[in-house]
Amino acid sequence: MTVKDKTLQCYDCDSEFTFTAAEQEQFLSMGYTNSPKRCISCRQKRKARQAGKLQPNSRNTGNYAGNTRKEMFSA
């Protein structure tokens, strides 16, 4: 399959960016089926924002504070 450079429009900043053939091949090799929605600088900004957000604990209880314990009351 031959891939060619594509010109795409960034979802965040509306600027045009080139999705090169080499990048497309890399995306395909990683199993991605869609083209990127964001330019490189907006992708980096988004990753930085996402890294700063609190993540839920491993039990998926929605407890974003991590080690907080529930208060126990006598019955």
PDB file of N, CA and C in Angstrom:
ATOM      1  N   MET A   1       0.844  -1.173   0.000  1.00  0.00           N
ATOM      2  CA  MET A   1       0.000   0.000   0.000  1.00  0.00           C
ATOM      3  C   MET A   1       0.893   1.241   0.000  1.00  0.00           C
ATOM      4  N   THR A   2       0.639   2.135  -0.911  1.00  0.00           N
ATOM      5  CA  THR A   2       1.429   3.349  -1.014  1.00  0.00           C
ATOM      6  C   THR A   2       0.731   4.469  -0.252  1.00  0.00           C
ATOM      7  N   VAL A   3       1.475   5.104   0.629  1.00  0.00           N
ATOM      8  CA  VAL A   3       0.923   6.235   1.370  1.00  0.00           C
ATOM      9  C   VAL A   3       1.612   7.503   0.901  1.00  0.00           C
ATOM     10  N   LYS A   4       0.847   8.580   0.859  1.00  0.00           N
ATOM     11  CA  LYS A   4       1.369   9.877   0.442  1.00  0.00           C
ATOM     12  C   LYS A   4       1.147  10.874   1.566  1.00  0.00           C
ATOM     13  N   ASP A   5       1.936  11.940   1.559  1.00  0.00           N
ATOM     14  CA  ASP A   5       1.753  12.998   2.545  1.00  0.00           C
ATOM     15  C   ASP A   5       0.328  13.546   2.457  1.00  0.00           C
ATOM     16  N   LYS A   6      -0.258  13.830   3.618  1.00  0.00           N
ATOM     17  CA  LYS A   6      -1.599  14.412   3.682  1.00  0.00           C
ATOM     18  C   LYS A   6      -1.517  15.747   4.403  1.00  0.00           C
ATOM     19  N   THR A   7      -2.306  16.699   3.965  1.00  0.00           N
ATOM     20  CA  THR A   7      -2.433  17.959   4.679  1.00  0.00           C
ATOM     21  C   THR A   7      -3.720  17.896   5.481  1.00  0.00           C
ATOM     22  N   LEU A   8      -3.589  18.061   6.797  1.00  0.00           N
ATOM     23  CA  LEU A   8      -4.731  17.977   7.707  1.00  0.00           C
ATOM     24  C   LEU A   8      -4.901  19.297   8.448  1.00  0.00           C
ATOM     25  N   GLN A   9      -6.074  19.495   9.021  1.00  0.00           N
ATOM     26  CA  GLN A   9      -6.336  20.696   9.806  1.00  0.00           C
ATOM     27  C   GLN A   9      -6.437  20.312  11.272  1.00  0.00           C
ATOM     28  N   CYS A  10      -5.717  21.040  12.118  1.00  0.00           N
ATOM     29  CA  CYS A  10      -5.680  20.763  13.552  1.00  0.00           C
ATOM     30  C   CYS A  10      -7.036  21.062  14.194  1.00  0.00           C
ATOM     31  N   TYR A  11      -7.482  20.154  15.032  1.00  0.00           N
ATOM     32  CA  TYR A  11      -8.753  20.266  15.740  1.00  0.00           C
ATOM     33  C   TYR A  11      -8.728  21.416  16.739  1.00  0.00           C
ATOM     34  N   ASP A  12      -7.579  21.674  17.368  1.00  0.00           N
ATOM     35  CA  ASP A  12      -7.485  22.694  18.413  1.00  0.00           C
ATOM     36  C   ASP A  12      -7.199  24.092  17.877  1.00  0.00           C
ATOM     37  N   CYS A  13      -6.173  24.223  17.040  1.00  0.00           N
ATOM     38  CA  CYS A  13      -5.732  25.559  16.615  1.00  0.00           C
ATOM     39  C   CYS A  13      -6.112  25.898  15.175  1.00  0.00           C
ATOM     40  N   ASP A  14      -6.742  24.984  14.466  1.00  0.00           N
ATOM     41  CA  ASP A  14      -7.199  25.173  13.082  1.00  0.00           C
ATOM     42  C   ASP A  14      -6.086  25.415  12.070  1.00  0.00           C
ATOM     43  N   SER A  15      -4.845  25.213  12.456  1.00  0.00           N
ATOM     44  CA  SER A  15      -3.762  25.372  11.486  1.00  0.00           C
ATOM     45  C   SER A  15      -3.621  24.090  10.668  1.00  0.00           C
ATOM     46  N   GLU A  16      -3.055  24.220   9.481  1.00  0.00           N
ATOM     47  CA  GLU A  16      -2.814  23.052   8.644  1.00  0.00           C
ATOM     48  C   GLU A  16      -1.466  22.451   8.995  1.00  0.00           C
ATOM     49  N   PHE A  17      -1.387  21.121   8.968  1.00  0.00           N
ATOM     50  CA  PHE A  17      -0.125  20.438   9.204  1.00  0.00           C
ATOM     51  C   PHE A  17      -0.042  19.249   8.271  1.00  0.00           C
ATOM     52  N   THR A  18       1.189  18.801   8.023  1.00  0.00           N
ATOM     53  CA  THR A  18       1.419  17.693   7.108  1.00  0.00           C
ATOM     54  C   THR A  18       1.584  16.401   7.888  1.00  0.00           C
ATOM     55  N   PHE A  19       0.802  15.426   7.521  1.00  0.00           N
ATOM     56  CA  PHE A  19       0.901  14.072   8.069  1.00  0.00           C
ATOM     57  C   PHE A  19       1.700  13.288   7.034  1.00  0.00           C
ATOM     58  N   THR A  20       3.002  13.176   7.285  1.00  0.00           N
ATOM     59  CA  THR A  20       3.904  12.613   6.281  1.00  0.00           C
ATOM     60  C   THR A  20       3.669  11.119   6.078  1.00  0.00           C
ATOM     61  N   ALA A  21       4.171  10.623   4.968  1.00  0.00           N
ATOM     62  CA  ALA A  21       4.052   9.194   4.659  1.00  0.00           C
ATOM     63  C   ALA A  21       4.742   8.358   5.734  1.00  0.00           C
ATOM     64  N   ALA A  22       5.893   8.828   6.214  1.00  0.00           N
ATOM     65  CA  ALA A  22       6.617   8.097   7.264  1.00  0.00           C
ATOM     66  C   ALA A  22       5.798   8.045   8.553  1.00  0.00           C
ATOM     67  N   GLU A  23       5.158   9.167   8.915  1.00  0.00           N
ATOM     68  CA  GLU A  23       4.316   9.184  10.112  1.00  0.00           C
ATOM     69  C   GLU A  23       3.116   8.257   9.940  1.00  0.00           C
ATOM     70  N   GLN A  24       2.547   8.237   8.741  1.00  0.00           N
ATOM     71  CA  GLN A  24       1.404   7.356   8.473  1.00  0.00           C
ATOM     72  C   GLN A  24       1.802   5.893   8.628  1.00  0.00           C
ATOM     73  N   GLU A  25       2.966   5.536   8.105  1.00  0.00           N
ATOM     74  CA  GLU A  25       3.444   4.158   8.236  1.00  0.00           C
ATOM     75  C   GLU A  25       3.678   3.799   9.699  1.00  0.00           C
ATOM     76  N   GLN A  26       4.224   4.756  10.463  1.00  0.00           N
ATOM     77  CA  GLN A  26       4.444   4.519  11.891  1.00  0.00           C
ATOM     78  C   GLN A  26       3.105   4.325  12.610  1.00  0.00           C
ATOM     79  N   PHE A  27       2.119   5.161  12.296  1.00  0.00           N
ATOM     80  CA  PHE A  27       0.793   5.024  12.900  1.00  0.00           C
ATOM     81  C   PHE A  27       0.204   3.658  12.585  1.00  0.00           C
ATOM     82  N   LEU A  28       0.308   3.236  11.321  1.00  0.00           N
ATOM     83  CA  LEU A  28      -0.236   1.936  10.920  1.00  0.00           C
ATOM     84  C   LEU A  28       0.466   0.793  11.642  1.00  0.00           C
ATOM     85  N   SER A  29       1.785   0.901  11.804  1.00  0.00           N
ATOM     86  CA  SER A  29       2.535  -0.164  12.479  1.00  0.00           C
ATOM     87  C   SER A  29       2.164  -0.267  13.960  1.00  0.00           C
ATOM     88  N   MET A  30       1.702   0.838  14.549  1.00  0.00           N
ATOM     89  CA  MET A  30       1.285   0.829  15.953  1.00  0.00           C
ATOM     90  C   MET A  30      -0.178   0.430  16.100  1.00  0.00           C
ATOM     91  N   GLY A  31      -0.853   0.187  14.978  1.00  0.00           N
ATOM     92  CA  GLY A  31      -2.234  -0.259  15.025  1.00  0.00           C
ATOM     93  C   GLY A  31      -3.268   0.850  14.971  1.00  0.00           C
ATOM     94  N   TYR A  32      -2.840   2.090  14.788  1.00  0.00           N
ATOM     95  CA  TYR A  32      -3.785   3.200  14.693  1.00  0.00           C
ATOM     96  C   TYR A  32      -4.428   3.188  13.309  1.00  0.00           C
ATOM     97  N   THR A  33      -5.734   3.399  13.261  1.00  0.00           N
ATOM     98  CA  THR A  33      -6.433   3.394  11.982  1.00  0.00           C
ATOM     99  C   THR A  33      -6.864   4.790  11.553  1.00  0.00           C
ATOM    100  N   ASN A  34      -6.859   5.741  12.475  1.00  0.00           N
ATOM    101  CA  ASN A  34      -7.278   7.107  12.159  1.00  0.00           C
ATOM    102  C   ASN A  34      -6.079   8.038  12.064  1.00  0.00           C
ATOM    103  N   SER A  35      -6.254   9.108  11.310  1.00  0.00           N
ATOM    104  CA  SER A  35      -5.229  10.148  11.224  1.00  0.00           C
ATOM    105  C   SER A  35      -5.280  10.986  12.498  1.00  0.00           C
ATOM    106  N   PRO A  36      -4.175  11.654  12.850  1.00  0.00           N
ATOM    107  CA  PRO A  36      -4.194  12.498  14.047  1.00  0.00           C
ATOM    108  C   PRO A  36      -5.125  13.691  13.860  1.00  0.00           C
ATOM    109  N   LYS A  37      -5.754  14.131  14.939  1.00  0.00           N
ATOM    110  CA  LYS A  37      -6.646  15.286  14.888  1.00  0.00           C
ATOM    111  C   LYS A  37      -5.906  16.582  15.193  1.00  0.00           C
ATOM    112  N   ARG A  38      -4.732  16.456  15.821  1.00  0.00           N
ATOM    113  CA  ARG A  38      -4.016  17.641  16.283  1.00  0.00           C
ATOM    114  C   ARG A  38      -2.612  17.712  15.691  1.00  0.00           C
ATOM    115  N   CYS A  39      -2.117  18.939  15.518  1.00  0.00           N
ATOM    116  CA  CYS A  39      -0.740  19.130  15.066  1.00  0.00           C
ATOM    117  C   CYS A  39       0.207  18.721  16.196  1.00  0.00           C
ATOM    118  N   ILE A  40       1.478  18.637  15.900  1.00  0.00           N
ATOM    119  CA  ILE A  40       2.448  18.157  16.884  1.00  0.00           C
ATOM    120  C   ILE A  40       2.467  19.035  18.135  1.00  0.00           C
ATOM    121  N   SER A  41       2.464  20.364  17.960  1.00  0.00           N
ATOM    122  CA  SER A  41       2.538  21.232  19.143  1.00  0.00           C
ATOM    123  C   SER A  41       1.276  21.109  19.997  1.00  0.00           C
ATOM    124  N   CYS A  42       0.108  20.990  19.376  1.00  0.00           N
ATOM    125  CA  CYS A  42      -1.124  20.823  20.156  1.00  0.00           C
ATOM    126  C   CYS A  42      -1.169  19.452  20.825  1.00  0.00           C
ATOM    127  N   ARG A  43      -0.608  18.420  20.177  1.00  0.00           N
ATOM    128  CA  ARG A  43      -0.535  17.091  20.803  1.00  0.00           C
ATOM    129  C   ARG A  43       0.327  17.148  22.054  1.00  0.00           C
ATOM    130  N   GLN A  44       1.466  17.856  21.958  1.00  0.00           N
ATOM    131  CA  GLN A  44       2.359  17.963  23.113  1.00  0.00           C
ATOM    132  C   GLN A  44       1.691  18.737  24.247  1.00  0.00           C
ATOM    133  N   LYS A  45       0.984  19.820  23.907  1.00  0.00           N
ATOM    134  CA  LYS A  45       0.278  20.599  24.932  1.00  0.00           C
ATOM    135  C   LYS A  45      -0.800  19.754  25.603  1.00  0.00           C
ATOM    136  N   ARG A  46      -1.516  18.977  24.812  1.00  0.00           N
ATOM    137  CA  ARG A  46      -2.579  18.128  25.355  1.00  0.00           C
ATOM    138  C   ARG A  46      -2.002  17.047  26.263  1.00  0.00           C
ATOM    139  N   LYS A  47      -0.887  16.447  25.861  1.00  0.00           N
ATOM    140  CA  LYS A  47      -0.244  15.435  26.708  1.00  0.00           C
ATOM    141  C   LYS A  47       0.170  16.034  28.042  1.00  0.00           C
ATOM    142  N   ALA A  48       0.714  17.264  28.003  1.00  0.00           N
ATOM    143  CA  ALA A  48       1.143  17.922  29.236  1.00  0.00           C
ATOM    144  C   ALA A  48      -0.059  18.201  30.137  1.00  0.00           C
ATOM    145  N   ARG A  49      -1.174  18.633  29.551  1.00  0.00           N
ATOM    146  CA  ARG A  49      -2.392  18.874  30.341  1.00  0.00           C
ATOM    147  C   ARG A  49      -2.898  17.572  30.945  1.00  0.00           C
ATOM    148  N   GLN A  50      -2.911  16.508  30.152  1.00  0.00           N
ATOM    149  CA  GLN A  50      -3.409  15.216  30.628  1.00  0.00           C
ATOM    150  C   GLN A  50      -2.526  14.659  31.740  1.00  0.00           C
ATOM    151  N   ALA A  51      -1.222  14.883  31.654  1.00  0.00           N
ATOM    152  CA  ALA A  51      -0.296  14.371  32.665  1.00  0.00           C
ATOM    153  C   ALA A  51      -0.521  15.052  34.013  1.00  0.00           C
ATOM    154  N   GLY A  52      -1.016  16.279  34.007  1.00  0.00           N
ATOM    155  CA  GLY A  52      -1.246  17.010  35.239  1.00  0.00           C
ATOM    156  C   GLY A  52      -2.542  16.654  35.934  1.00  0.00           C
ATOM    157  N   LYS A  53      -3.442  15.949  35.254  1.00  0.00           N
ATOM    158  CA  LYS A  53      -4.725  15.592  35.855  1.00  0.00           C
ATOM    159  C   LYS A  53      -4.563  14.419  36.802  1.00  0.00           C
ATOM    160  N   LEU A  54      -5.395  14.385  37.826  1.00  0.00           N
ATOM    161  CA  LEU A  54      -5.392  13.260  38.751  1.00  0.00           C
ATOM    162  C   LEU A  54      -6.017  12.057  38.067  1.00  0.00           C
ATOM    163  N   GLN A  55      -5.461  10.906  38.303  1.00  0.00           N
ATOM    164  CA  GLN A  55      -5.968   9.668  37.727  1.00  0.00           C
ATOM    165  C   GLN A  55      -6.652   8.851  38.815  1.00  0.00           C
ATOM    166  N   PRO A  56      -7.719   8.134  38.479  1.00  0.00           N
ATOM    167  CA  PRO A  56      -8.378   7.302  39.481  1.00  0.00           C
ATOM    168  C   PRO A  56      -7.470   6.167  39.927  1.00  0.00           C
ATOM    169  N   ASN A  57      -7.734   5.647  41.141  1.00  0.00           N
ATOM    170  CA  ASN A  57      -6.902   4.550  41.622  1.00  0.00           C
ATOM    171  C   ASN A  57      -7.186   3.276  40.831  1.00  0.00           C
ATOM    172  N   SER A  58      -6.425   2.244  41.063  1.00  0.00           N
ATOM    173  CA  SER A  58      -6.483   1.039  40.240  1.00  0.00           C
ATOM    174  C   SER A  58      -7.781   0.258  40.385  1.00  0.00           C
ATOM    175  N   ARG A  59      -8.539   0.498  41.435  1.00  0.00           N
ATOM    176  CA  ARG A  59      -9.790  -0.242  41.620  1.00  0.00           C
ATOM    177  C   ARG A  59     -10.960   0.419  40.914  1.00  0.00           C
ATOM    178  N   ASN A  60     -10.724   1.552  40.260  1.00  0.00           N
ATOM    179  CA  ASN A  60     -11.758   2.281  39.535  1.00  0.00           C
ATOM    180  C   ASN A  60     -12.965   2.619  40.399  1.00  0.00           C
ATOM    181  N   THR A  61     -12.715   3.032  41.618  1.00  0.00           N
ATOM    182  CA  THR A  61     -13.811   3.398  42.508  1.00  0.00           C
ATOM    183  C   THR A  61     -14.172   4.864  42.361  1.00  0.00           C
ATOM    184  N   GLY A  62     -13.434   5.588  41.550  1.00  0.00           N
ATOM    185  CA  GLY A  62     -13.686   7.005  41.404  1.00  0.00           C
ATOM    186  C   GLY A  62     -13.005   7.821  42.480  1.00  0.00           C
ATOM    187  N   ASN A  63     -12.205   7.181  43.326  1.00  0.00           N
ATOM    188  CA  ASN A  63     -11.497   7.855  44.399  1.00  0.00           C
ATOM    189  C   ASN A  63     -10.235   8.489  43.822  1.00  0.00           C
ATOM    190  N   TYR A  64     -10.307   9.781  43.521  1.00  0.00           N
ATOM    191  CA  TYR A  64      -9.188  10.451  42.872  1.00  0.00           C
ATOM    192  C   TYR A  64      -8.111  10.883  43.862  1.00  0.00           C
ATOM    193  N   ALA A  65      -8.389  10.803  45.144  1.00  0.00           N
ATOM    194  CA  ALA A  65      -7.401  11.230  46.127  1.00  0.00           C
ATOM    195  C   ALA A  65      -6.393  10.134  46.427  1.00  0.00           C
ATOM    196  N   GLY A  66      -6.676   8.931  46.013  1.00  0.00           N
ATOM    197  CA  GLY A  66      -5.700   7.866  46.191  1.00  0.00           C
ATOM    198  C   GLY A  66      -5.846   7.136  47.500  1.00  0.00           C
ATOM    199  N   ASN A  67      -5.149   7.581  48.542  1.00  0.00           N
ATOM    200  CA  ASN A  67      -5.070   6.824  49.783  1.00  0.00           C
ATOM    201  C   ASN A  67      -6.083   7.240  50.842  1.00  0.00           C
ATOM    202  N   THR A  68      -7.076   8.038  50.519  1.00  0.00           N
ATOM    203  CA  THR A  68      -8.033   8.455  51.544  1.00  0.00           C
ATOM    204  C   THR A  68      -8.871   7.264  51.980  1.00  0.00           C
ATOM    205  N   ARG A  69      -9.153   7.222  53.269  1.00  0.00           N
ATOM    206  CA  ARG A  69      -9.926   6.109  53.829  1.00  0.00           C
ATOM    207  C   ARG A  69     -11.324   6.610  54.150  1.00  0.00           C
ATOM    208  N   LYS A  70     -12.286   5.721  54.091  1.00  0.00           N
ATOM    209  CA  LYS A  70     -13.652   6.072  54.437  1.00  0.00           C
ATOM    210  C   LYS A  70     -13.780   6.140  55.949  1.00  0.00           C
ATOM    211  N   GLU A  71     -14.575   7.089  56.402  1.00  0.00           N
ATOM    212  CA  GLU A  71     -14.817   7.213  57.832  1.00  0.00           C
ATOM    213  C   GLU A  71     -15.784   6.119  58.266  1.00  0.00           C
ATOM    214  N   MET A  72     -15.461   5.429  59.353  1.00  0.00           N
ATOM    215  CA  MET A  72     -16.294   4.332  59.849  1.00  0.00           C
ATOM    216  C   MET A  72     -17.096   4.819  61.054  1.00  0.00           C
ATOM    217  N   PHE A  73     -18.354   4.412  61.130  1.00  0.00           N
ATOM    218  CA  PHE A  73     -19.230   4.764  62.237  1.00  0.00           C
ATOM    219  C   PHE A  73     -19.683   3.491  62.929  1.00  0.00           C
ATOM    220  N   SER A  74     -19.894   3.580  64.255  1.00  0.00           N
ATOM    221  CA  SER A  74     -20.379   2.398  64.974  1.00  0.00           C
ATOM    222  C   SER A  74     -21.869   2.229  64.688  1.00  0.00           C
ATOM    223  N   ALA A  75     -22.301   0.979  64.650  1.00  0.00           N
ATOM    224  CA  ALA A  75     -23.706   0.693  64.309  1.00  0.00           C
ATOM    225  C   ALA A  75     -24.594   0.733  65.518  1.00  0.00           C
TER     226      ALA A  75
END
